[in-house]
Amino acid sequence: MRVLVTGAGGFVGPHLRRALQAAGAEVLGLGLHLHEGGIDIVADVTDATATAAAVAKVKPDAVVHLAGLSSVAECSKDPMRAFQINASGALSVVQAVLAAKSPCRVLLVSSGEVYGAAAGTGPMNEQVLPDPMNVYGATKRAGEIIALQHRHQGLDVMIARPFNHIGPGQTPTFVLPSFAQQLAAVHRGGKVTLEVGNLSAVRDFSHVQDIVDSYVLMLSKGKAGEIYNLGSGVGRTIESMLQLLVAQSGREVTVKVDPKRLRPVEIPTLIGDVQKLKALGWAPSRTVESALGEILEEMESRAR
């Protein structure tokens, strides 16, 4: 199987490449710059012509559409750009695949953030009607609708809704790498004041490798037109994750709330029901503790 991965130079791309290659796939990465790791083809997914040319050249058996603006904060700062990348980018990809007129599965990577205000206090299954509360969630929902609409034109497409996933390679614009970076700035045994946002929010955290394993499984066993939640099914507060990270760090910590790190609109609890994914044969194999350790090790290595 030949798989084209868009956004291959981002956080998840390198992990997915390794997982696909381990499963025997030939992987080609599409991204903005060749100097980024894992990029074989330079194209911007917001450029429909360039995207169509890339798909026509590669002739993939499957496309995993990872490319997107994934930071909630960045999307809120520039909603127009967010919609261009996350929604128009999805449109470019699905139209490029249809234009190629050859059998090709498309796995569109969305987000659990699409549930937004529909989120309750427990796990939500895929039957819950999305109600995005931020620009990021709205753009990802728009991408879903675009992709599923093209199913009626013959597109073999599935939607993945991953919840929070963590691991090495994730930038400090995200909460746990940010904590790890602040910890790593002080030698082990030292004291550090951590600047934090809202620690009471409950999220469904997974090791990034478990998430990419889900993508690989969906390509072989997922059903066209279906939506799958990807996550652990377990809710953890940001505070509890911070405590795990601090315990691994060997540092003495004081916590200080930074108003700039607080979101104007916050989903209190966001947990995915992943029974539909498990029915395909998936089961998590890694812990969040191991992911936190890998993030901390990476940040400490950079700080040396």
C-alpha atoms as a PDB file:
ATOM      1  CA  MET A   1       0.000   0.000   0.000  1.00  0.00           C
ATOM      2  CA  ARG A   2       1.253   3.465  -0.928  1.00  0.00           C
ATOM      3  CA  VAL A   3       0.154   6.104   1.591  1.00  0.00           C
ATOM      4  CA  LEU A   4       0.380   9.870   1.154  1.00  0.00           C
ATOM      5  CA  VAL A   5       0.507  11.711   4.495  1.00  0.00           C
ATOM      6  CA  THR A   6      -0.234  15.436   4.438  1.00  0.00           C
ATOM      7  CA  GLY A   7       1.279  17.537   7.192  1.00  0.00           C
ATOM      8  CA  ALA A   8       3.992  14.911   7.500  1.00  0.00           C
ATOM      9  CA  GLY A   9       6.458  17.316   9.082  1.00  0.00           C
ATOM     10  CA  GLY A  10       4.309  18.084  12.119  1.00  0.00           C
ATOM     11  CA  PHE A  11       4.090  16.465  15.538  1.00  0.00           C
ATOM     12  CA  VAL A  12       2.195  13.323  14.516  1.00  0.00           C
ATOM     13  CA  GLY A  13       3.637  12.846  11.019  1.00  0.00           C
ATOM     14  CA  PRO A  14       6.952  11.179  11.938  1.00  0.00           C
ATOM     15  CA  HIS A  15       5.222   8.820  14.383  1.00  0.00           C
ATOM     16  CA  LEU A  16       2.679   7.873  11.723  1.00  0.00           C
ATOM     17  CA  ARG A  17       5.353   7.306   9.081  1.00  0.00           C
ATOM     18  CA  ARG A  18       7.132   4.799  11.313  1.00  0.00           C
ATOM     19  CA  ALA A  19       3.894   3.009  12.187  1.00  0.00           C
ATOM     20  CA  LEU A  20       2.837   2.736   8.545  1.00  0.00           C
ATOM     21  CA  GLN A  21       6.270   1.507   7.455  1.00  0.00           C
ATOM     22  CA  ALA A  22       6.212  -1.082  10.234  1.00  0.00           C
ATOM     23  CA  ALA A  23       2.906  -2.285   8.756  1.00  0.00           C
ATOM     24  CA  GLY A  24       4.564  -2.674   5.350  1.00  0.00           C
ATOM     25  CA  ALA A  25       3.337   0.512   3.672  1.00  0.00           C
ATOM     26  CA  GLU A  26       5.277   2.784   1.352  1.00  0.00           C
ATOM     27  CA  VAL A  27       4.939   6.287   2.813  1.00  0.00           C
ATOM     28  CA  LEU A  28       5.299   9.639   1.081  1.00  0.00           C
ATOM     29  CA  GLY A  29       5.072  12.830   3.118  1.00  0.00           C
ATOM     30  CA  LEU A  30       3.591  16.071   1.850  1.00  0.00           C
ATOM     31  CA  GLY A  31       4.418  19.370   3.519  1.00  0.00           C
ATOM     32  CA  LEU A  32       5.558  22.939   3.103  1.00  0.00           C
ATOM     33  CA  HIS A  33       9.336  22.534   3.334  1.00  0.00           C
ATOM     34  CA  LEU A  34      11.740  19.792   2.284  1.00  0.00           C
ATOM     35  CA  HIS A  35      14.015  20.537   5.250  1.00  0.00           C
ATOM     36  CA  GLU A  36      11.274  19.350   7.592  1.00  0.00           C
ATOM     37  CA  GLY A  37      11.729  15.708   8.499  1.00  0.00           C
ATOM     38  CA  GLY A  38       9.667  13.273   6.458  1.00  0.00           C
ATOM     39  CA  ILE A  39       8.726  15.630   3.615  1.00  0.00           C
ATOM     40  CA  ASP A  40       9.045  14.071   0.154  1.00  0.00           C
ATOM     41  CA  ILE A  41       6.717  16.387  -1.765  1.00  0.00           C
ATOM     42  CA  VAL A  42       6.402  20.137  -1.277  1.00  0.00           C
ATOM     43  CA  ALA A  43       2.839  21.431  -1.565  1.00  0.00           C
ATOM     44  CA  ASP A  44       0.474  23.623   0.401  1.00  0.00           C
ATOM     45  CA  VAL A  45      -2.906  21.955   0.909  1.00  0.00           C
ATOM     46  CA  THR A  46      -4.613  25.335   0.581  1.00  0.00           C
ATOM     47  CA  ASP A  47      -3.342  25.383  -3.017  1.00  0.00           C
ATOM     48  CA  ALA A  48      -5.835  23.152  -4.801  1.00  0.00           C
ATOM     49  CA  THR A  49      -3.802  22.957  -8.000  1.00  0.00           C
ATOM     50  CA  ALA A  50      -0.576  21.927  -6.244  1.00  0.00           C
ATOM     51  CA  THR A  51      -2.437  19.408  -4.100  1.00  0.00           C
ATOM     52  CA  ALA A  52      -4.112  17.836  -7.137  1.00  0.00           C
ATOM     53  CA  ALA A  53      -0.760  17.619  -8.919  1.00  0.00           C
ATOM     54  CA  ALA A  54       0.835  15.907  -5.904  1.00  0.00           C
ATOM     55  CA  VAL A  55      -1.945  13.324  -5.611  1.00  0.00           C
ATOM     56  CA  ALA A  56      -1.876  12.664  -9.368  1.00  0.00           C
ATOM     57  CA  LYS A  57       1.892  12.157  -9.244  1.00  0.00           C
ATOM     58  CA  VAL A  58       1.927   9.848  -6.210  1.00  0.00           C
ATOM     59  CA  LYS A  59      -1.169   7.798  -7.133  1.00  0.00           C
ATOM     60  CA  PRO A  60      -1.685   6.749  -3.505  1.00  0.00           C
ATOM     61  CA  ASP A  61      -3.799   3.853  -2.324  1.00  0.00           C
ATOM     62  CA  ALA A  62      -4.600   5.919   0.761  1.00  0.00           C
ATOM     63  CA  VAL A  63      -4.264   9.487   1.989  1.00  0.00           C
ATOM     64  CA  VAL A  64      -4.045  10.428   5.660  1.00  0.00           C
ATOM     65  CA  HIS A  65      -4.881  14.111   5.923  1.00  0.00           C
ATOM     66  CA  LEU A  66      -3.015  15.388   8.975  1.00  0.00           C
ATOM     67  CA  ALA A  67      -2.161  18.861   7.684  1.00  0.00           C
ATOM     68  CA  GLY A  68      -3.779  21.636   9.645  1.00  0.00           C
ATOM     69  CA  LEU A  69      -3.486  24.424  12.163  1.00  0.00           C
ATOM     70  CA  SER A  70      -3.788  22.425  15.387  1.00  0.00           C
ATOM     71  CA  SER A  71      -3.366  25.066  18.091  1.00  0.00           C
ATOM     72  CA  VAL A  72      -6.628  26.335  19.588  1.00  0.00           C
ATOM     73  CA  ALA A  73      -4.895  29.608  20.490  1.00  0.00           C
ATOM     74  CA  GLU A  74      -3.451  30.148  16.995  1.00  0.00           C
ATOM     75  CA  CYS A  75      -6.817  29.444  15.378  1.00  0.00           C
ATOM     76  CA  SER A  76      -8.497  31.971  17.674  1.00  0.00           C
ATOM     77  CA  LYS A  77      -5.933  34.645  16.786  1.00  0.00           C
ATOM     78  CA  ASP A  78      -6.530  34.289  13.043  1.00  0.00           C
ATOM     79  CA  PRO A  79      -9.869  32.607  12.272  1.00  0.00           C
ATOM     80  CA  MET A  80      -9.657  33.319   8.540  1.00  0.00           C
ATOM     81  CA  ARG A  81      -6.298  31.591   8.245  1.00  0.00           C
ATOM     82  CA  ALA A  82      -7.584  28.721  10.385  1.00  0.00           C
ATOM     83  CA  PHE A  83     -10.536  28.123   8.049  1.00  0.00           C
ATOM     84  CA  GLN A  84      -8.314  28.383   4.981  1.00  0.00           C
ATOM     85  CA  ILE A  85      -5.966  25.708   6.301  1.00  0.00           C
ATOM     86  CA  ASN A  86      -8.328  23.366   8.132  1.00  0.00           C
ATOM     87  CA  ALA A  87     -11.453  23.597   5.982  1.00  0.00           C
ATOM     88  CA  SER A  88     -10.221  24.685   2.550  1.00  0.00           C
ATOM     89  CA  GLY A  89      -7.239  22.361   2.942  1.00  0.00           C
ATOM     90  CA  ALA A  90      -9.598  19.431   3.478  1.00  0.00           C
ATOM     91  CA  LEU A  91     -11.538  20.458   0.385  1.00  0.00           C
ATOM     92  CA  SER A  92      -8.350  20.541  -1.711  1.00  0.00           C
ATOM     93  CA  VAL A  93      -7.369  17.059  -0.588  1.00  0.00           C
ATOM     94  CA  VAL A  94     -10.698  15.320  -1.159  1.00  0.00           C
ATOM     95  CA  GLN A  95     -11.202  16.970  -4.545  1.00  0.00           C
ATOM     96  CA  ALA A  96      -7.665  16.010  -5.556  1.00  0.00           C
ATOM     97  CA  VAL A  97      -8.376  12.374  -4.721  1.00  0.00           C
ATOM     98  CA  LEU A  98     -11.629  12.365  -6.694  1.00  0.00           C
ATOM     99  CA  ALA A  99      -9.925  14.053  -9.641  1.00  0.00           C
ATOM    100  CA  ALA A 100      -7.249  11.337  -9.718  1.00  0.00           C
ATOM    101  CA  LYS A 101      -9.981   8.805 -10.543  1.00  0.00           C
ATOM    102  CA  SER A 102      -8.223   5.837  -8.971  1.00  0.00           C
ATOM    103  CA  PRO A 103      -9.155   3.775  -5.896  1.00  0.00           C
ATOM    104  CA  CYS A 104      -7.945   5.609  -2.796  1.00  0.00           C
ATOM    105  CA  ARG A 105      -9.027   5.653   0.849  1.00  0.00           C
ATOM    106  CA  VAL A 106      -8.994   8.998   2.648  1.00  0.00           C
ATOM    107  CA  LEU A 107      -8.590   9.254   6.391  1.00  0.00           C
ATOM    108  CA  LEU A 108      -9.429  12.790   7.450  1.00  0.00           C
ATOM    109  CA  VAL A 109      -8.030  13.597  10.876  1.00  0.00           C
ATOM    110  CA  SER A 110     -10.426  15.831  12.785  1.00  0.00           C
ATOM    111  CA  SER A 111     -10.538  16.357  16.575  1.00  0.00           C
ATOM    112  CA  GLY A 112     -12.564  15.620  19.678  1.00  0.00           C
ATOM    113  CA  GLU A 113     -12.766  19.410  20.040  1.00  0.00           C
ATOM    114  CA  VAL A 114     -15.684  19.363  17.575  1.00  0.00           C
ATOM    115  CA  TYR A 115     -17.983  18.150  20.383  1.00  0.00           C
ATOM    116  CA  GLY A 116     -17.542  21.425  22.264  1.00  0.00           C
ATOM    117  CA  ALA A 117     -20.642  22.420  24.214  1.00  0.00           C
ATOM    118  CA  ALA A 118     -22.171  18.980  23.618  1.00  0.00           C
ATOM    119  CA  ALA A 119     -19.576  17.463  25.946  1.00  0.00           C
ATOM    120  CA  GLY A 120     -21.009  16.192  29.210  1.00  0.00           C
ATOM    121  CA  THR A 121     -19.235  14.864  32.264  1.00  0.00           C
ATOM    122  CA  GLY A 122     -18.515  11.415  30.848  1.00  0.00           C
ATOM    123  CA  PRO A 123     -17.338   9.735  27.641  1.00  0.00           C
ATOM    124  CA  MET A 124     -19.179  10.704  24.440  1.00  0.00           C
ATOM    125  CA  ASN A 125     -19.761   8.388  21.522  1.00  0.00           C
ATOM    126  CA  GLU A 126     -19.890   9.342  17.864  1.00  0.00           C
ATOM    127  CA  GLN A 127     -23.674   9.784  17.946  1.00  0.00           C
ATOM    128  CA  VAL A 128     -23.330  12.994  19.973  1.00  0.00           C
ATOM    129  CA  LEU A 129     -24.048  15.985  17.744  1.00  0.00           C
ATOM    130  CA  PRO A 130     -20.989  18.283  17.587  1.00  0.00           C
ATOM    131  CA  ASP A 131     -21.335  21.834  18.894  1.00  0.00           C
ATOM    132  CA  PRO A 132     -17.903  23.499  18.598  1.00  0.00           C
ATOM    133  CA  MET A 133     -17.029  26.188  21.156  1.00  0.00           C
ATOM    134  CA  ASN A 134     -13.869  27.568  19.553  1.00  0.00           C
ATOM    135  CA  VAL A 135     -12.551  28.428  16.104  1.00  0.00           C
ATOM    136  CA  TYR A 136     -10.370  25.317  15.977  1.00  0.00           C
ATOM    137  CA  GLY A 137     -13.313  23.004  16.668  1.00  0.00           C
ATOM    138  CA  ALA A 138     -15.442  24.827  14.109  1.00  0.00           C
ATOM    139  CA  THR A 139     -12.796  24.516  11.391  1.00  0.00           C
ATOM    140  CA  LYS A 140     -12.319  20.812  12.051  1.00  0.00           C
ATOM    141  CA  ARG A 141     -16.068  20.244  11.964  1.00  0.00           C
ATOM    142  CA  ALA A 142     -16.232  22.103   8.661  1.00  0.00           C
ATOM    143  CA  GLY A 143     -13.534  19.790   7.295  1.00  0.00           C
ATOM    144  CA  GLU A 144     -15.554  16.767   8.379  1.00  0.00           C
ATOM    145  CA  ILE A 145     -18.684  18.014   6.620  1.00  0.00           C
ATOM    146  CA  ILE A 146     -16.731  18.732   3.437  1.00  0.00           C
ATOM    147  CA  ALA A 147     -15.179  15.262   3.425  1.00  0.00           C
ATOM    148  CA  LEU A 148     -18.420  13.423   4.165  1.00  0.00           C
ATOM    149  CA  GLN A 149     -20.281  15.404   1.504  1.00  0.00           C
ATOM    150  CA  HIS A 150     -17.804  14.069  -1.065  1.00  0.00           C
ATOM    151  CA  ARG A 151     -18.686  10.535  -0.003  1.00  0.00           C
ATOM    152  CA  HIS A 152     -21.864  11.035  -2.040  1.00  0.00           C
ATOM    153  CA  GLN A 153     -19.629  11.553  -5.069  1.00  0.00           C
ATOM    154  CA  GLY A 154     -17.950   8.204  -4.524  1.00  0.00           C
ATOM    155  CA  LEU A 155     -15.135   9.163  -2.137  1.00  0.00           C
ATOM    156  CA  ASP A 156     -13.969   6.375   0.198  1.00  0.00           C
ATOM    157  CA  VAL A 157     -13.498   8.534   3.288  1.00  0.00           C
ATOM    158  CA  MET A 158     -13.461   8.055   7.053  1.00  0.00           C
ATOM    159  CA  ILE A 159     -13.216  10.581   9.879  1.00  0.00           C
ATOM    160  CA  ALA A 160     -10.912  10.188  12.886  1.00  0.00           C
ATOM    161  CA  ARG A 161     -11.696  12.264  15.964  1.00  0.00           C
ATOM    162  CA  PRO A 162      -8.612  11.971  18.165  1.00  0.00           C
ATOM    163  CA  PHE A 163      -8.731  13.402  21.646  1.00  0.00           C
ATOM    164  CA  ASN A 164      -5.615  14.835  23.341  1.00  0.00           C
ATOM    165  CA  HIS A 165      -2.464  12.915  22.460  1.00  0.00           C
ATOM    166  CA  ILE A 166       1.024  13.581  23.735  1.00  0.00           C
ATOM    167  CA  GLY A 167       4.591  12.458  23.145  1.00  0.00           C
ATOM    168  CA  PRO A 168       7.981  13.555  21.843  1.00  0.00           C
ATOM    169  CA  GLY A 169       7.985  16.088  19.041  1.00  0.00           C
ATOM    170  CA  GLN A 170       5.056  18.126  20.333  1.00  0.00           C
ATOM    171  CA  THR A 171       5.754  21.848  20.565  1.00  0.00           C
ATOM    172  CA  PRO A 172       5.559  23.938  23.768  1.00  0.00           C
ATOM    173  CA  THR A 173       2.509  25.734  22.390  1.00  0.00           C
ATOM    174  CA  PHE A 174       0.655  22.773  23.932  1.00  0.00           C
ATOM    175  CA  VAL A 175       0.126  22.508  27.645  1.00  0.00           C
ATOM    176  CA  LEU A 176       2.209  19.517  28.750  1.00  0.00           C
ATOM    177  CA  PRO A 177       5.268  20.233  26.575  1.00  0.00           C
ATOM    178  CA  SER A 178       5.058  23.787  27.935  1.00  0.00           C
ATOM    179  CA  PHE A 179       5.219  22.459  31.492  1.00  0.00           C
ATOM    180  CA  ALA A 180       8.087  20.135  30.560  1.00  0.00           C
ATOM    181  CA  GLN A 181      10.019  22.976  28.925  1.00  0.00           C
ATOM    182  CA  GLN A 182       9.670  25.117  32.035  1.00  0.00           C
ATOM    183  CA  LEU A 183      10.808  22.239  34.245  1.00  0.00           C
ATOM    184  CA  ALA A 184      13.777  21.467  32.006  1.00  0.00           C
ATOM    185  CA  ALA A 185      15.040  25.042  32.301  1.00  0.00           C
ATOM    186  CA  VAL A 186      16.064  24.232  35.901  1.00  0.00           C
ATOM    187  CA  HIS A 187      18.488  21.461  36.849  1.00  0.00           C
ATOM    188  CA  ARG A 188      17.107  18.394  38.622  1.00  0.00           C
ATOM    189  CA  GLY A 189      16.838  19.057  42.326  1.00  0.00           C
ATOM    190  CA  GLY A 190      16.292  22.757  41.704  1.00  0.00           C
ATOM    191  CA  LYS A 191      13.252  24.940  42.299  1.00  0.00           C
ATOM    192  CA  VAL A 192      11.019  26.198  39.519  1.00  0.00           C
ATOM    193  CA  THR A 193       7.932  28.402  39.333  1.00  0.00           C
ATOM    194  CA  LEU A 194       5.584  26.978  36.736  1.00  0.00           C
ATOM    195  CA  GLU A 195       3.273  29.338  34.890  1.00  0.00           C
ATOM    196  CA  VAL A 196      -0.013  27.557  34.207  1.00  0.00           C
ATOM    197  CA  GLY A 197      -3.496  28.120  32.879  1.00  0.00           C
ATOM    198  CA  ASN A 198      -6.672  26.295  33.916  1.00  0.00           C
ATOM    199  CA  LEU A 199      -5.663  23.087  35.686  1.00  0.00           C
ATOM    200  CA  SER A 200      -9.192  21.879  36.427  1.00  0.00           C
ATOM    201  CA  ALA A 201     -10.124  21.004  32.825  1.00  0.00           C
ATOM    202  CA  VAL A 202     -10.612  17.273  32.271  1.00  0.00           C
ATOM    203  CA  ARG A 203      -9.204  15.753  29.091  1.00  0.00           C
ATOM    204  CA  ASP A 204      -8.773  12.323  27.492  1.00  0.00           C
ATOM    205  CA  PHE A 205      -4.997  11.860  27.105  1.00  0.00           C
ATOM    206  CA  SER A 206      -3.273   9.150  25.051  1.00  0.00           C
ATOM    207  CA  HIS A 207       0.257   8.361  23.977  1.00  0.00           C
ATOM    208  CA  VAL A 208       0.694   9.588  20.404  1.00  0.00           C
ATOM    209  CA  GLN A 209       1.817   6.112  19.334  1.00  0.00           C
ATOM    210  CA  ASP A 210      -1.535   4.638  20.350  1.00  0.00           C
ATOM    211  CA  ILE A 211      -3.253   7.256  18.201  1.00  0.00           C
ATOM    212  CA  VAL A 212      -1.146   6.586  15.100  1.00  0.00           C
ATOM    213  CA  ASP A 213      -1.707   2.859  15.574  1.00  0.00           C
ATOM    214  CA  SER A 214      -5.412   3.693  15.403  1.00  0.00           C
ATOM    215  CA  TYR A 215      -4.915   5.469  12.089  1.00  0.00           C
ATOM    216  CA  VAL A 216      -3.135   2.447  10.636  1.00  0.00           C
ATOM    217  CA  LEU A 217      -5.934   0.169  11.832  1.00  0.00           C
ATOM    218  CA  MET A 218      -8.613   2.429  10.355  1.00  0.00           C
ATOM    219  CA  LEU A 219      -6.958   2.329   6.934  1.00  0.00           C
ATOM    220  CA  SER A 220      -7.295  -1.453   6.829  1.00  0.00           C
ATOM    221  CA  LYS A 221     -10.473  -2.085   8.817  1.00  0.00           C
ATOM    222  CA  GLY A 222     -12.410   1.177   9.061  1.00  0.00           C
ATOM    223  CA  LYS A 223     -15.739   1.515   7.286  1.00  0.00           C
ATOM    224  CA  ALA A 224     -16.221   4.177   4.619  1.00  0.00           C
ATOM    225  CA  GLY A 225     -18.382   7.094   5.710  1.00  0.00           C
ATOM    226  CA  GLU A 226     -17.902   6.379   9.399  1.00  0.00           C
ATOM    227  CA  ILE A 227     -16.570   8.541  12.230  1.00  0.00           C
ATOM    228  CA  TYR A 228     -14.349   7.066  14.934  1.00  0.00           C
ATOM    229  CA  ASN A 229     -13.351   8.549  18.287  1.00  0.00           C
ATOM    230  CA  LEU A 230      -9.699   7.933  19.164  1.00  0.00           C
ATOM    231  CA  GLY A 231      -8.544   8.143  22.752  1.00  0.00           C
ATOM    232  CA  SER A 232      -8.225   6.342  26.063  1.00  0.00           C
ATOM    233  CA  GLY A 233     -11.795   6.744  27.292  1.00  0.00           C
ATOM    234  CA  VAL A 234     -10.361   8.006  30.597  1.00  0.00           C
ATOM    235  CA  GLY A 235     -10.661  11.570  31.870  1.00  0.00           C
ATOM    236  CA  ARG A 236      -7.754  13.226  33.681  1.00  0.00           C
ATOM    237  CA  THR A 237      -7.448  16.775  34.947  1.00  0.00           C
ATOM    238  CA  ILE A 238      -4.604  18.908  33.652  1.00  0.00           C
ATOM    239  CA  GLU A 239      -3.538  19.198  37.287  1.00  0.00           C
ATOM    240  CA  SER A 240      -3.183  15.431  37.679  1.00  0.00           C
ATOM    241  CA  MET A 241      -1.064  15.269  34.517  1.00  0.00           C
ATOM    242  CA  LEU A 242       1.103  18.077  35.843  1.00  0.00           C
ATOM    243  CA  GLN A 243       1.589  16.186  39.106  1.00  0.00           C
ATOM    244  CA  LEU A 244       2.744  13.093  37.184  1.00  0.00           C
ATOM    245  CA  LEU A 245       5.179  15.200  35.194  1.00  0.00           C
ATOM    246  CA  VAL A 246       6.546  16.960  38.281  1.00  0.00           C
ATOM    247  CA  ALA A 247       7.002  13.622  40.063  1.00  0.00           C
ATOM    248  CA  GLN A 248       9.167  12.419  37.162  1.00  0.00           C
ATOM    249  CA  SER A 249      11.135  15.655  36.958  1.00  0.00           C
ATOM    250  CA  GLY A 250      12.914  15.613  40.323  1.00  0.00           C
ATOM    251  CA  ARG A 251      12.269  19.324  40.797  1.00  0.00           C
ATOM    252  CA  GLU A 252      10.593  21.373  43.519  1.00  0.00           C
ATOM    253  CA  VAL A 253       7.680  23.259  42.000  1.00  0.00           C
ATOM    254  CA  THR A 254       5.607  26.317  42.792  1.00  0.00           C
ATOM    255  CA  VAL A 255       2.566  26.886  40.594  1.00  0.00           C
ATOM    256  CA  LYS A 256       1.539  30.353  39.407  1.00  0.00           C
ATOM    257  CA  VAL A 257      -1.564  31.006  37.308  1.00  0.00           C
ATOM    258  CA  ASP A 258      -0.797  33.162  34.264  1.00  0.00           C
ATOM    259  CA  PRO A 259      -3.976  34.921  33.031  1.00  0.00           C
ATOM    260  CA  LYS A 260      -2.552  34.902  29.486  1.00  0.00           C
ATOM    261  CA  ARG A 261      -2.682  31.105  29.526  1.00  0.00           C
ATOM    262  CA  LEU A 262      -6.404  30.995  30.317  1.00  0.00           C
ATOM    263  CA  ARG A 263      -8.776  30.432  27.419  1.00  0.00           C
ATOM    264  CA  PRO A 264     -11.766  32.796  27.143  1.00  0.00           C
ATOM    265  CA  VAL A 265     -13.982  29.766  26.467  1.00  0.00           C
ATOM    266  CA  GLU A 266     -13.044  26.399  27.932  1.00  0.00           C
ATOM    267  CA  ILE A 267     -14.703  22.999  27.572  1.00  0.00           C
ATOM    268  CA  PRO A 268     -14.793  21.712  31.191  1.00  0.00           C
ATOM    269  CA  THR A 269     -14.697  17.997  30.332  1.00  0.00           C
ATOM    270  CA  LEU A 270     -13.834  16.263  27.062  1.00  0.00           C
ATOM    271  CA  ILE A 271     -13.659  12.456  27.057  1.00  0.00           C
ATOM    272  CA  GLY A 272     -14.197  10.071  24.165  1.00  0.00           C
ATOM    273  CA  ASP A 273     -16.109   6.812  24.144  1.00  0.00           C
ATOM    274  CA  VAL A 274     -13.833   4.612  22.000  1.00  0.00           C
ATOM    275  CA  GLN A 275     -15.891   1.400  21.886  1.00  0.00           C
ATOM    276  CA  LYS A 276     -16.427   1.755  18.140  1.00  0.00           C
ATOM    277  CA  LEU A 277     -12.653   1.832  17.583  1.00  0.00           C
ATOM    278  CA  LYS A 278     -12.125  -1.101  19.929  1.00  0.00           C
ATOM    279  CA  ALA A 279     -14.626  -3.092  17.862  1.00  0.00           C
ATOM    280  CA  LEU A 280     -12.088  -2.904  15.007  1.00  0.00           C
ATOM    281  CA  GLY A 281      -9.579  -4.678  17.232  1.00  0.00           C
ATOM    282  CA  TRP A 282      -7.781  -1.716  18.772  1.00  0.00           C
ATOM    283  CA  ALA A 283      -6.484  -1.547  22.332  1.00  0.00           C
ATOM    284  CA  PRO A 284      -4.088   0.968  23.937  1.00  0.00           C
ATOM    285  CA  SER A 285      -0.597  -0.369  24.568  1.00  0.00           C
ATOM    286  CA  ARG A 286       1.240   2.603  26.074  1.00  0.00           C
ATOM    287  CA  THR A 287       0.772   4.780  29.160  1.00  0.00           C
ATOM    288  CA  VAL A 288       0.512   8.526  29.550  1.00  0.00           C
ATOM    289  CA  GLU A 289       3.294   8.236  32.132  1.00  0.00           C
ATOM    290  CA  SER A 290       5.663   6.941  29.457  1.00  0.00           C
ATOM    291  CA  ALA A 291       4.627   9.768  27.123  1.00  0.00           C
ATOM    292  CA  LEU A 292       5.283  12.351  29.829  1.00  0.00           C
ATOM    293  CA  GLY A 293       8.697  10.835  30.482  1.00  0.00           C
ATOM    294  CA  GLU A 294       9.561  11.038  26.786  1.00  0.00           C
ATOM    295  CA  ILE A 295       8.443  14.669  26.585  1.00  0.00           C
ATOM    296  CA  LEU A 296      10.493  15.596  29.659  1.00  0.00           C
ATOM    297  CA  GLU A 297      13.557  13.768  28.349  1.00  0.00           C
ATOM    298  CA  GLU A 298      13.274  15.609  25.040  1.00  0.00           C
ATOM    299  CA  MET A 299      12.986  19.018  26.713  1.00  0.00           C
ATOM    300  CA  GLU A 300      15.897  18.271  29.053  1.00  0.00           C
ATOM    301  CA  SER A 301      18.024  17.252  26.075  1.00  0.00           C
ATOM    302  CA  ARG A 302      17.264  20.552  24.345  1.00  0.00           C
ATOM    303  CA  ALA A 303      18.100  22.516  27.502  1.00  0.00           C
ATOM    304  CA  ARG A 304      21.573  20.982  27.902  1.00  0.00           C
END
